Amino acid sequence: MIRIFFAYHLTHYFGPFSLSSYHTNSSHARESDLVYVVSGDEAVDGGKDYALEGLFKIHRRSDGPFQLANLKGKPADFQYKLTMQPVRVPDAPIPLSRADWYDRQEVHRYFSSGQNFNPLPTSPDYKERFDTLLSGFGQADASELVDDLAAIERNESDVTQREALVQARIGQGRFKADVTRLWGLGETCTLTGIALPELLIASHIKPWRDSSNVERLDPTNGLLIAVHVDKLFDRHLLSFELQGDDFRAVVAPRARPVAAKLGVTPGMPLASSALSPGSMSRIGQYMVGHLARLRQKKVDAAPSR
């Protein structure tokens, strides 16, 4: 069963949120839980400014105790250290003050004790609010993601296979490592050349829900791309066509102005020089279906006459 919590991070005291060193005394948190992280920082008026760091999955919980300084600067023991993996993460924390529903006192009341890993408030519905803020980041709508992860937990009895599928669903784990190895570029976006691992995701060419478990773990069904490229690709606003020895970008007309601002233009090649002919062929077979969906969306969006 997939469980969803929120956690609170004190930025002005502990520094920027880190995926590899979140400490807590809460025994609620366990591996595979999903966590929305809210951070608080000192505001110029002496209060707190709050931001949404993103949606994460707990990859590992290490038992302590771990000794850190508490808010009074004195040594304190924390029982657990969490390592998290990004699921839907913006390029920078999203200030909650930009939302029309924002109320500083309400946010403080609900979230400032989040190290206890409490469920998200439902009245008002903060999951819906956070998902709206995160729209445009990550591989899929959070509701679809949670449904798919729950289906894996329900249908896959083998623990090793289940974990591999969970990681593949969020573009991480063995699937990401296999895709990275296949393309031979290291942790670098195959389209833009961005080499910041935190911004890279292994995106499926054939959509997850249309794929078999074998296809879901097949590295030739994957591209290592930056999150903003992934969003265009996942929505079939960007695809690639094999032209000679290169996969060249095809951008949906309505997405071209925005894509250009993100550095993505029609005809851009994927960095495929390290691929074997066999891998090129298998990737091309997956890409034919992806490109067909982009072109069908273009037809569907055309005005009737």
Protein backbone atom coordinates (compact mmCIF):
# COMPACT_ATOMS: atom_id res chain seq x y z
CA MET A 1 0.00 0.00 0.00
CA ILE A 2 1.40 3.40 -1.03
CA ARG A 3 1.25 5.91 1.81
CA ILE A 4 1.51 9.68 1.39
CA PHE A 5 2.84 12.11 4.01
CA PHE A 6 4.30 15.56 4.25
CA ALA A 7 7.55 16.55 5.93
CA TYR A 8 8.85 19.94 7.03
CA HIS A 9 12.37 21.26 6.45
CA LEU A 10 13.87 24.29 8.21
CA THR A 11 15.97 25.87 5.47
CA HIS A 12 17.43 28.75 7.47
CA TYR A 13 18.73 26.36 10.10
CA PHE A 14 19.66 23.16 8.25
CA GLY A 15 20.48 24.69 4.86
CA PRO A 16 18.90 23.73 1.51
CA PHE A 17 16.87 20.54 1.46
CA SER A 18 18.99 17.47 0.69
CA LEU A 19 17.81 14.19 -0.78
CA SER A 20 20.36 12.19 1.18
CA SER A 21 20.23 13.46 4.75
CA TYR A 22 16.76 14.13 6.11
CA HIS A 23 16.73 13.28 9.82
CA THR A 24 13.66 12.54 11.89
CA ASN A 25 12.55 10.86 15.10
CA SER A 26 9.31 9.71 13.51
CA SER A 27 8.87 5.97 13.18
CA HIS A 28 5.99 6.60 10.76
CA ALA A 29 8.31 7.11 7.79
CA ARG A 30 9.28 3.96 5.94
CA GLU A 31 10.77 2.98 2.62
CA SER A 32 8.54 3.45 -0.47
CA ASP A 33 6.38 6.14 1.20
CA LEU A 34 5.70 9.27 -0.85
CA VAL A 35 6.45 12.58 0.84
CA TYR A 36 5.60 16.17 -0.03
CA VAL A 37 8.34 18.33 1.50
CA VAL A 38 7.48 21.84 2.68
CA SER A 39 10.35 24.13 3.69
CA GLY A 40 10.31 27.16 5.94
CA ASP A 41 12.80 30.03 5.80
CA GLU A 42 13.21 33.29 7.69
CA ALA A 43 11.23 36.17 6.20
CA VAL A 44 12.24 39.82 6.26
CA ASP A 45 9.37 40.63 8.65
CA GLY A 46 10.62 38.11 11.21
CA GLY A 47 8.12 35.41 10.31
CA LYS A 48 8.53 32.47 7.97
CA ASP A 49 8.34 32.12 4.22
CA TYR A 50 7.16 28.70 3.06
CA ALA A 51 7.93 26.81 -0.14
CA LEU A 52 7.12 23.45 -1.72
CA GLU A 53 10.30 21.45 -2.39
CA GLY A 54 8.50 18.75 -4.36
CA LEU A 55 7.21 15.19 -4.12
CA PHE A 56 9.72 12.51 -3.12
CA LYS A 57 9.87 8.78 -2.47
CA ILE A 58 11.71 7.41 0.58
CA HIS A 59 14.35 5.12 -0.84
CA ARG A 60 16.11 4.10 2.37
CA ARG A 61 15.61 4.55 6.10
CA SER A 62 18.81 4.15 8.13
CA ASP A 63 18.59 3.55 11.87
CA GLY A 64 20.60 5.76 14.22
CA PRO A 65 20.89 7.45 16.49
CA PHE A 66 22.44 10.31 14.51
CA GLN A 67 23.68 13.27 16.50
CA LEU A 68 23.00 16.76 15.17
CA ALA A 69 22.58 20.17 16.71
CA ASN A 70 19.00 21.02 17.64
CA LEU A 71 17.34 24.41 17.17
CA LYS A 72 19.03 25.66 20.34
CA GLY A 73 22.45 24.65 19.05
CA LYS A 74 22.82 21.78 21.49
CA PRO A 75 23.56 18.14 20.56
CA ALA A 76 20.47 16.05 19.93
CA ASP A 77 19.88 12.51 18.74
CA PHE A 78 17.75 11.73 15.70
CA GLN A 79 16.70 8.12 15.35
CA TYR A 80 16.44 7.90 11.57
CA LYS A 81 18.14 9.25 8.46
CA LEU A 82 16.14 9.16 5.23
CA THR A 83 17.43 9.00 1.69
CA MET A 84 14.83 10.25 -0.79
CA GLN A 85 14.43 10.11 -4.54
CA PRO A 86 12.70 12.79 -6.61
CA VAL A 87 9.31 12.01 -8.09
CA ARG A 88 8.07 15.47 -9.09
CA VAL A 89 10.54 18.23 -8.32
CA PRO A 90 10.60 21.83 -9.63
CA ASP A 91 13.81 23.54 -10.74
CA ALA A 92 13.67 25.60 -7.53
CA PRO A 93 11.39 25.45 -4.46
CA ILE A 94 7.98 26.96 -5.27
CA PRO A 95 7.02 29.78 -2.87
CA LEU A 96 3.57 29.01 -1.49
CA SER A 97 2.89 32.75 -1.40
CA ARG A 98 2.35 32.68 -5.18
CA ALA A 99 -0.82 30.59 -4.70
CA ASP A 100 -4.12 32.47 -4.40
CA TRP A 101 -5.12 30.23 -1.47
CA TYR A 102 -2.00 31.01 0.57
CA ASP A 103 -2.47 31.90 4.21
CA ARG A 104 0.76 32.06 6.22
CA GLN A 105 -0.88 31.27 9.55
CA GLU A 106 -2.75 28.31 8.11
CA VAL A 107 0.39 26.88 6.51
CA HIS A 108 2.31 27.34 9.77
CA ARG A 109 -0.45 25.61 11.71
CA TYR A 110 -0.61 22.62 9.37
CA PHE A 111 3.00 22.10 8.33
CA SER A 112 5.56 23.41 10.82
CA SER A 113 5.48 20.09 12.73
CA GLY A 114 5.87 18.01 9.58
CA GLN A 115 8.95 16.11 10.77
CA ASN A 116 6.40 13.87 12.43
CA PHE A 117 5.34 12.72 8.94
CA ASN A 118 1.68 13.55 9.22
CA PRO A 119 -0.94 12.91 6.52
CA LEU A 120 -1.71 15.86 4.28
CA PRO A 121 -4.66 17.99 5.38
CA THR A 122 -7.81 17.13 3.46
CA SER A 123 -9.95 20.14 4.33
CA PRO A 124 -8.71 22.16 2.53
CA ASP A 125 -7.26 19.56 0.15
CA TYR A 126 -3.53 20.24 0.21
CA LYS A 127 -2.71 17.29 -2.04
CA GLU A 128 -4.73 18.89 -4.82
CA ARG A 129 -3.14 22.26 -4.07
CA PHE A 130 0.40 20.86 -4.13
CA ASP A 131 -0.23 18.81 -7.27
CA THR A 132 -1.45 21.95 -9.03
CA LEU A 133 1.72 23.80 -8.05
CA LEU A 134 3.83 20.88 -9.28
CA SER A 135 2.00 20.54 -12.59
CA GLY A 136 4.59 20.78 -15.33
CA PHE A 137 7.28 19.00 -13.35
CA GLY A 138 7.98 15.27 -13.42
CA GLN A 139 6.76 12.46 -15.58
CA ALA A 140 3.04 12.21 -14.95
CA ASP A 141 0.15 13.50 -12.93
CA ALA A 142 0.62 12.56 -9.30
CA SER A 143 -2.74 10.79 -9.15
CA GLU A 144 -1.72 8.55 -12.07
CA LEU A 145 1.64 7.93 -10.44
CA VAL A 146 0.10 6.87 -7.15
CA ASP A 147 -2.35 4.57 -8.98
CA ASP A 148 0.48 2.95 -10.94
CA LEU A 149 2.64 2.45 -7.86
CA ALA A 150 -0.31 0.94 -6.02
CA ALA A 151 -0.92 -1.43 -8.94
CA ILE A 152 2.69 -2.60 -8.77
CA GLU A 153 2.39 -3.27 -5.04
CA ARG A 154 -0.86 -5.14 -5.63
CA ASN A 155 0.10 -7.23 -8.65
CA GLU A 156 3.82 -8.00 -8.30
CA SER A 157 4.69 -10.51 -5.59
CA ASP A 158 8.44 -10.75 -6.24
CA VAL A 159 10.12 -8.14 -4.02
CA THR A 160 13.12 -7.54 -6.31
CA GLN A 161 10.96 -7.17 -9.40
CA ARG A 162 8.52 -4.93 -7.54
CA GLU A 163 11.27 -2.55 -6.45
CA ALA A 164 12.71 -2.46 -9.98
CA LEU A 165 9.29 -1.58 -11.40
CA VAL A 166 8.66 1.10 -8.76
CA GLN A 167 12.01 2.71 -9.57
CA ALA A 168 11.37 2.47 -13.30
CA ARG A 169 7.97 4.15 -12.89
CA ILE A 170 9.59 7.28 -11.47
CA GLY A 171 12.49 7.18 -13.94
CA GLN A 172 15.10 6.11 -11.41
CA GLY A 173 16.86 3.01 -10.08
CA ARG A 174 18.05 0.15 -12.27
CA PHE A 175 16.07 1.40 -15.26
CA LYS A 176 17.79 4.80 -15.14
CA ALA A 177 21.20 3.15 -14.70
CA ASP A 178 20.57 0.83 -17.66
CA VAL A 179 19.37 3.70 -19.87
CA THR A 180 22.39 5.80 -18.88
CA ARG A 181 24.74 2.92 -19.69
CA LEU A 182 23.05 2.24 -23.04
CA TRP A 183 23.37 5.81 -24.32
CA GLY A 184 27.00 6.05 -23.15
CA LEU A 185 26.94 9.72 -22.14
CA GLY A 186 27.08 9.42 -18.38
CA GLU A 187 24.51 11.42 -16.43
CA THR A 188 23.79 13.84 -19.26
CA CYS A 189 20.56 14.75 -21.04
CA THR A 190 20.62 13.05 -24.44
CA LEU A 191 19.04 16.12 -26.08
CA THR A 192 20.21 19.27 -24.28
CA GLY A 193 23.52 18.14 -22.77
CA ILE A 194 22.43 19.19 -19.27
CA ALA A 195 24.65 17.25 -16.85
CA LEU A 196 23.01 17.92 -13.49
CA PRO A 197 21.83 14.54 -12.14
CA GLU A 198 19.08 16.09 -10.00
CA LEU A 199 17.38 17.38 -13.16
CA LEU A 200 17.55 14.13 -15.14
CA ILE A 201 14.94 11.41 -15.46
CA ALA A 202 14.80 8.18 -17.45
CA SER A 203 11.66 8.70 -19.50
CA HIS A 204 9.79 5.83 -21.15
CA ILE A 205 9.27 6.10 -24.91
CA LYS A 206 6.33 3.71 -24.99
CA PRO A 207 4.01 4.94 -22.22
CA TRP A 208 4.08 3.00 -18.96
CA ARG A 209 0.45 1.98 -19.09
CA ASP A 210 0.79 0.62 -22.61
CA SER A 211 3.94 -1.39 -21.82
CA SER A 212 4.50 -4.90 -20.53
CA ASN A 213 6.73 -5.39 -17.49
CA VAL A 214 9.53 -6.43 -19.85
CA GLU A 215 9.13 -3.21 -21.86
CA ARG A 216 8.96 -1.15 -18.67
CA LEU A 217 12.46 -2.33 -17.74
CA ASP A 218 13.89 -2.35 -21.29
CA PRO A 219 16.57 0.37 -21.55
CA THR A 220 15.91 0.76 -25.29
CA ASN A 221 12.48 2.03 -24.22
CA GLY A 222 14.11 4.94 -22.41
CA LEU A 223 15.71 8.33 -22.85
CA LEU A 224 17.74 10.09 -20.16
CA ILE A 225 16.45 13.64 -20.43
CA ALA A 226 16.07 16.79 -18.36
CA VAL A 227 12.76 17.23 -16.54
CA HIS A 228 11.53 20.06 -18.80
CA VAL A 229 12.25 17.93 -21.88
CA ASP A 230 10.52 14.98 -20.20
CA LYS A 231 7.34 16.99 -19.71
CA LEU A 232 7.17 17.84 -23.42
CA PHE A 233 8.02 14.25 -24.38
CA ASP A 234 5.59 12.68 -21.91
CA ARG A 235 2.72 14.80 -23.26
CA HIS A 236 3.60 13.92 -26.87
CA LEU A 237 4.41 17.54 -27.61
CA LEU A 238 7.96 16.46 -28.49
CA SER A 239 9.07 13.28 -30.26
CA PHE A 240 11.92 12.12 -32.47
CA GLU A 241 12.13 10.82 -36.04
CA LEU A 242 14.94 8.67 -37.35
CA GLN A 243 16.57 10.58 -40.20
CA GLY A 244 19.63 8.80 -41.57
CA ASP A 245 21.81 7.99 -38.56
CA ASP A 246 20.18 10.51 -36.19
CA PHE A 247 17.01 10.84 -34.17
CA ARG A 248 15.81 14.40 -34.88
CA ALA A 249 13.38 16.37 -32.72
CA VAL A 250 9.80 16.87 -33.90
CA VAL A 251 7.98 19.55 -31.90
CA ALA A 252 4.21 20.02 -31.97
CA PRO A 253 3.42 23.41 -33.56
CA ARG A 254 1.55 24.76 -30.54
CA ALA A 255 4.47 23.90 -28.25
CA ARG A 256 7.23 25.42 -30.39
CA PRO A 257 7.30 28.93 -28.87
CA VAL A 258 7.58 27.59 -25.32
CA ALA A 259 9.95 24.79 -26.32
CA ALA A 260 12.25 27.29 -28.03
CA LYS A 261 12.50 29.29 -24.82
CA LEU A 262 13.60 26.05 -23.13
CA GLY A 263 16.26 25.47 -25.77
CA VAL A 264 14.36 22.75 -27.65
CA THR A 265 13.87 23.29 -31.39
CA PRO A 266 12.75 21.12 -34.32
CA GLY A 267 15.56 19.11 -35.86
CA MET A 268 17.74 18.93 -32.73
CA PRO A 269 19.52 15.56 -32.67
CA LEU A 270 19.71 13.10 -29.82
CA ALA A 271 23.31 12.28 -28.89
CA SER A 272 23.17 8.71 -30.20
CA SER A 273 26.74 8.13 -31.43
CA ALA A 274 27.44 5.53 -28.71
CA LEU A 275 24.42 3.37 -29.61
CA SER A 276 24.88 0.08 -31.42
CA PRO A 277 22.91 -0.53 -34.65
CA GLY A 278 20.75 -3.04 -32.77
CA SER A 279 19.92 -0.51 -30.03
CA MET A 280 19.16 2.16 -32.64
CA SER A 281 16.75 -0.23 -34.31
CA ARG A 282 14.92 -1.16 -31.09
CA ILE A 283 14.71 2.48 -29.95
CA GLY A 284 13.37 3.35 -33.40
CA GLN A 285 10.62 0.75 -33.08
CA TYR A 286 9.46 2.28 -29.80
CA MET A 287 9.78 5.81 -31.20
CA VAL A 288 7.54 5.12 -34.22
CA GLY A 289 4.56 4.69 -31.91
CA HIS A 290 5.48 7.76 -29.86
CA LEU A 291 5.81 9.95 -32.96
CA ALA A 292 2.49 8.65 -34.30
CA ARG A 293 0.77 9.86 -31.13
CA LEU A 294 2.27 13.35 -31.54
CA ARG A 295 1.03 13.50 -35.10
CA GLN A 296 -2.41 12.24 -34.09
CA LYS A 297 -2.62 14.94 -31.42
CA LYS A 298 -1.77 17.49 -34.09
CA VAL A 299 -4.65 16.20 -36.23
CA ASP A 300 -7.05 16.19 -33.26
CA ALA A 301 -6.07 19.78 -32.40
CA ALA A 302 -6.59 21.08 -35.94
CA PRO A 303 -9.71 23.25 -36.36
CA SER A 304 -12.58 21.72 -38.28
CA ARG A 305 -13.55 23.27 -41.60
